[in-house]
Amino acid sequence: MADSSLTLEIDPELAESLRARAEAAGQSVEDYALHRLRDDTVEARGLREASAAYYDELDQICQETLRTGGVPWEQVQARLRNFGKPR
C-alpha cells in the first residue's frame, strides 16, 4: 500500500507565522494547518459551484453593455479624475 502522507517544507518565516496562529487558536500546528487546508478546500468547492451563476450574471452585464453602448469613455474619464475627492 502506498504511503498517503505528505511532508511540506516551508520557509522559517511562514513556519513561525503558522506556529503563532496555531497557538492563538489553541491548536497544535498540525491540527491548525489541517483545519485551514480543509476549510480552504471547502471554500474552493463552493466557489466553483457559484462560478456558473457569477459568470452568467457577468455575461448579462456584458450583453446589456453591448446592447446599450455602455458608459461613454469621456464620462468614465471625468469620474476617474474625481475619484476619491470630496464632492
Protein backbone atom coordinates (compact mmCIF):
# COMPACT_ATOMS: atom_id res chain seq x y z
CA MET A 1 0.00 0.00 0.00
CA ALA A 2 1.30 3.45 -0.91
CA ASP A 3 2.05 5.96 1.82
CA SER A 4 -0.63 8.65 1.67
CA SER A 5 1.11 11.16 3.94
CA LEU A 6 2.72 14.32 2.66
CA THR A 7 5.53 16.37 4.13
CA LEU A 8 5.85 20.05 3.23
CA GLU A 9 8.91 22.18 3.68
CA ILE A 10 8.17 25.84 4.36
CA ASP A 11 10.44 28.79 5.00
CA PRO A 12 11.17 29.81 8.61
CA GLU A 13 9.07 32.99 8.43
CA LEU A 14 5.99 31.11 7.28
CA ALA A 15 6.62 28.37 9.86
CA GLU A 16 6.73 30.94 12.67
CA SER A 17 3.52 32.55 11.42
CA LEU A 18 1.87 29.12 11.34
CA ARG A 19 3.07 28.36 14.89
CA ALA A 20 1.78 31.69 16.19
CA ARG A 21 -1.63 31.26 14.58
CA ALA A 22 -1.94 27.69 15.85
CA GLU A 23 -1.03 28.79 19.36
CA ALA A 24 -3.56 31.65 19.24
CA ALA A 25 -6.22 29.16 18.13
CA GLY A 26 -5.26 26.75 20.92
CA GLN A 27 -4.34 24.01 18.47
CA SER A 28 -1.26 22.07 17.51
CA VAL A 29 0.48 23.27 14.36
CA GLU A 30 -0.57 20.10 12.55
CA ASP A 31 -4.24 20.38 13.55
CA TYR A 32 -4.35 24.06 12.70
CA ALA A 33 -2.79 23.50 9.27
CA LEU A 34 -5.14 20.60 8.51
CA HIS A 35 -8.21 22.62 9.51
CA ARG A 36 -7.11 25.54 7.36
CA LEU A 37 -6.47 23.29 4.36
CA ARG A 38 -9.84 21.60 4.77
CA ASP A 39 -11.62 24.96 5.11
CA ASP A 40 -9.87 26.30 2.01
CA THR A 41 -10.82 23.18 0.06
CA VAL A 42 -14.48 23.55 1.04
CA GLU A 43 -14.41 27.24 0.08
CA ALA A 44 -12.84 26.40 -3.29
CA ARG A 45 -15.58 23.85 -4.00
CA GLY A 46 -18.22 26.44 -3.14
CA LEU A 47 -16.56 28.95 -5.41
CA ARG A 48 -16.60 26.54 -8.32
CA GLU A 49 -20.28 25.83 -7.76
CA ALA A 50 -21.07 29.53 -7.53
CA SER A 51 -18.92 30.42 -10.52
CA ALA A 52 -21.54 29.45 -13.09
CA ALA A 53 -24.07 31.87 -11.57
CA TYR A 54 -21.43 34.58 -11.25
CA TYR A 55 -20.36 34.23 -14.88
CA ASP A 56 -23.97 34.15 -16.05
CA GLU A 57 -24.57 37.48 -14.29
CA LEU A 58 -21.34 38.91 -15.69
CA ASP A 59 -22.36 37.79 -19.18
CA GLN A 60 -25.74 39.51 -18.77
CA ILE A 61 -23.99 42.74 -17.78
CA CYS A 62 -21.72 42.49 -20.83
CA GLN A 63 -24.65 41.80 -23.16
CA GLU A 64 -26.51 44.82 -21.74
CA THR A 65 -23.42 46.98 -22.27
CA LEU A 66 -23.09 45.82 -25.88
CA ARG A 67 -26.79 46.48 -26.50
CA THR A 68 -26.87 49.97 -24.94
CA GLY A 69 -23.36 51.13 -25.75
CA GLY A 70 -22.38 51.35 -22.08
CA VAL A 71 -20.97 54.46 -20.45
CA PRO A 72 -19.20 56.91 -22.77
CA TRP A 73 -15.42 56.98 -22.24
CA GLU A 74 -15.44 60.72 -21.58
CA GLN A 75 -17.80 60.22 -18.65
CA VAL A 76 -15.60 57.43 -17.25
CA GLN A 77 -12.51 59.66 -17.54
CA ALA A 78 -14.24 62.52 -15.73
CA ARG A 79 -15.30 60.22 -12.90
CA LEU A 80 -11.80 58.76 -12.61
CA ARG A 81 -10.27 62.25 -12.37
CA ASN A 82 -12.52 62.97 -9.40
CA PHE A 83 -12.19 59.54 -7.79
CA GLY A 84 -11.53 59.85 -4.07
CA LYS A 85 -12.04 63.58 -3.98
CA PRO A 86 -14.78 65.11 -1.85
CA ARG A 87 -17.87 66.14 -3.78
